[in-house]
Amino acid sequence: MGKRKITIKKSVAESIAEIAWFIESKGMVATAERFSDAVYGFFQQLSDNKRTHRPCQEPERAALGFKCVNFKRYAIVMIESESEMTNM
């Protein structure tokens, strides 16, 4: 099974950290850590180059060639090629 290179933009990492911080601020430290681990693990699952993902439903994102995948209640937006996947 081939793997694509995964690039996570700084803004994506900051958004994940903000969500985890919010969860942690509610007193759920372990849950915040599990959330972060789950998101990054989900990114790793997306790296399989034998799978392709659907275009985003929003016309503006679809017109730009972005692909979308749902993770829990969050939309993961990415640019996908044979060798690389960039999370937006």
C-alpha atoms as a PDB file:
ATOM      1  CA  MET A   1       0.000   0.000   0.000  1.00  0.00           C
ATOM      2  CA  GLY A   2       1.495   3.330  -1.115  1.00  0.00           C
ATOM      3  CA  LYS A   3       1.568   6.390   1.045  1.00  0.00           C
ATOM      4  CA  ARG A   4       1.396  10.034   0.055  1.00  0.00           C
ATOM      5  CA  LYS A   5       3.427  12.695   1.771  1.00  0.00           C
ATOM      6  CA  ILE A   6       1.223  14.633   4.193  1.00  0.00           C
ATOM      7  CA  THR A   7       1.730  18.364   4.632  1.00  0.00           C
ATOM      8  CA  ILE A   8      -0.124  20.042   7.479  1.00  0.00           C
ATOM      9  CA  LYS A   9      -0.233  23.815   7.186  1.00  0.00           C
ATOM     10  CA  LYS A  10       0.530  25.917  10.239  1.00  0.00           C
ATOM     11  CA  SER A  11      -3.040  27.259  10.333  1.00  0.00           C
ATOM     12  CA  VAL A  12      -4.398  23.698  10.519  1.00  0.00           C
ATOM     13  CA  ALA A  13      -2.077  22.785  13.393  1.00  0.00           C
ATOM     14  CA  GLU A  14      -3.067  25.990  15.194  1.00  0.00           C
ATOM     15  CA  SER A  15      -6.782  25.215  14.750  1.00  0.00           C
ATOM     16  CA  ILE A  16      -6.315  21.717  16.166  1.00  0.00           C
ATOM     17  CA  ALA A  17      -4.398  23.182  19.109  1.00  0.00           C
ATOM     18  CA  GLU A  18      -7.138  25.770  19.740  1.00  0.00           C
ATOM     19  CA  ILE A  19      -9.831  23.108  19.816  1.00  0.00           C
ATOM     20  CA  ALA A  20      -7.726  20.929  22.115  1.00  0.00           C
ATOM     21  CA  TRP A  21      -7.067  23.927  24.378  1.00  0.00           C
ATOM     22  CA  PHE A  22     -10.810  24.652  24.562  1.00  0.00           C
ATOM     23  CA  ILE A  23     -11.515  21.033  25.547  1.00  0.00           C
ATOM     24  CA  GLU A  24      -8.705  21.187  28.099  1.00  0.00           C
ATOM     25  CA  SER A  25     -10.053  24.467  29.541  1.00  0.00           C
ATOM     26  CA  LYS A  26     -13.271  22.593  30.378  1.00  0.00           C
ATOM     27  CA  GLY A  27     -11.216  20.305  32.628  1.00  0.00           C
ATOM     28  CA  MET A  28     -10.951  17.403  30.192  1.00  0.00           C
ATOM     29  CA  VAL A  29      -7.188  17.149  29.741  1.00  0.00           C
ATOM     30  CA  ALA A  30      -7.137  13.504  28.650  1.00  0.00           C
ATOM     31  CA  THR A  31      -9.977  14.111  26.193  1.00  0.00           C
ATOM     32  CA  ALA A  32      -8.079  17.021  24.642  1.00  0.00           C
ATOM     33  CA  GLU A  33      -5.030  14.826  24.140  1.00  0.00           C
ATOM     34  CA  ARG A  34      -7.118  12.020  22.636  1.00  0.00           C
ATOM     35  CA  PHE A  35      -8.741  14.525  20.267  1.00  0.00           C
ATOM     36  CA  SER A  36      -5.363  15.751  18.985  1.00  0.00           C
ATOM     37  CA  ASP A  37      -4.067  12.200  18.601  1.00  0.00           C
ATOM     38  CA  ALA A  38      -7.242  11.179  16.750  1.00  0.00           C
ATOM     39  CA  VAL A  39      -7.016  14.079  14.281  1.00  0.00           C
ATOM     40  CA  TYR A  40      -3.384  13.436  13.403  1.00  0.00           C
ATOM     41  CA  GLY A  41      -4.066   9.697  13.193  1.00  0.00           C
ATOM     42  CA  PHE A  42      -6.951  10.436  10.822  1.00  0.00           C
ATOM     43  CA  PHE A  43      -4.566  12.458   8.615  1.00  0.00           C
ATOM     44  CA  GLN A  44      -2.275   9.422   8.451  1.00  0.00           C
ATOM     45  CA  GLN A  45      -5.173   7.222   7.302  1.00  0.00           C
ATOM     46  CA  LEU A  46      -5.875   9.663   4.470  1.00  0.00           C
ATOM     47  CA  SER A  47      -2.364   9.221   3.080  1.00  0.00           C
ATOM     48  CA  ASP A  48      -3.218   5.985   1.233  1.00  0.00           C
ATOM     49  CA  ASN A  49      -2.636   6.891  -2.428  1.00  0.00           C
ATOM     50  CA  LYS A  50      -5.009   4.177  -3.667  1.00  0.00           C
ATOM     51  CA  ARG A  51      -7.957   6.172  -2.336  1.00  0.00           C
ATOM     52  CA  THR A  52      -9.278   9.398  -3.741  1.00  0.00           C
ATOM     53  CA  HIS A  53     -11.579  11.797  -1.970  1.00  0.00           C
ATOM     54  CA  ARG A  54     -14.651  13.650  -3.152  1.00  0.00           C
ATOM     55  CA  PRO A  55     -14.615  17.325  -4.116  1.00  0.00           C
ATOM     56  CA  CYS A  56     -15.986  19.710  -1.510  1.00  0.00           C
ATOM     57  CA  GLN A  57     -19.701  20.441  -1.656  1.00  0.00           C
ATOM     58  CA  GLU A  58     -19.184  24.202  -1.345  1.00  0.00           C
ATOM     59  CA  PRO A  59     -18.943  25.567  -4.900  1.00  0.00           C
ATOM     60  CA  GLU A  60     -16.084  27.960  -4.049  1.00  0.00           C
ATOM     61  CA  ARG A  61     -13.887  25.199  -2.623  1.00  0.00           C
ATOM     62  CA  ALA A  62     -14.812  22.754  -5.376  1.00  0.00           C
ATOM     63  CA  ALA A  63     -13.886  25.334  -8.028  1.00  0.00           C
ATOM     64  CA  LEU A  64     -10.429  25.616  -6.451  1.00  0.00           C
ATOM     65  CA  GLY A  65      -9.987  21.836  -6.653  1.00  0.00           C
ATOM     66  CA  PHE A  66     -10.187  21.213  -2.913  1.00  0.00           C
ATOM     67  CA  LYS A  67     -11.263  17.819  -1.592  1.00  0.00           C
ATOM     68  CA  CYS A  68     -13.258  17.437   1.632  1.00  0.00           C
ATOM     69  CA  VAL A  69     -13.591  14.663   4.184  1.00  0.00           C
ATOM     70  CA  ASN A  70     -15.534  14.679   7.450  1.00  0.00           C
ATOM     71  CA  PHE A  71     -13.890  13.960  10.779  1.00  0.00           C
ATOM     72  CA  LYS A  72     -16.494  13.813  13.521  1.00  0.00           C
ATOM     73  CA  ARG A  73     -18.247  17.158  13.073  1.00  0.00           C
ATOM     74  CA  TYR A  74     -15.328  18.923  11.375  1.00  0.00           C
ATOM     75  CA  ALA A  75     -14.603  19.235   7.671  1.00  0.00           C
ATOM     76  CA  ILE A  76     -11.052  18.419   6.606  1.00  0.00           C
ATOM     77  CA  VAL A  77     -10.186  20.410   3.471  1.00  0.00           C
ATOM     78  CA  MET A  78      -7.202  19.325   1.398  1.00  0.00           C
ATOM     79  CA  ILE A  79      -5.444  19.414  -1.930  1.00  0.00           C
ATOM     80  CA  GLU A  80      -4.722  15.911  -3.155  1.00  0.00           C
ATOM     81  CA  SER A  81      -2.285  14.538  -5.731  1.00  0.00           C
ATOM     82  CA  GLU A  82      -0.734  11.130  -6.420  1.00  0.00           C
ATOM     83  CA  SER A  83       2.299  11.871  -4.244  1.00  0.00           C
ATOM     84  CA  GLU A  84       1.180  14.496  -1.720  1.00  0.00           C
ATOM     85  CA  MET A  85      -1.778  15.637   0.361  1.00  0.00           C
ATOM     86  CA  THR A  86      -1.874  19.138   1.834  1.00  0.00           C
ATOM     87  CA  ASN A  87      -4.378  19.932   4.576  1.00  0.00           C
ATOM     88  CA  MET A  88      -5.800  23.412   4.349  1.00  0.00           C
END
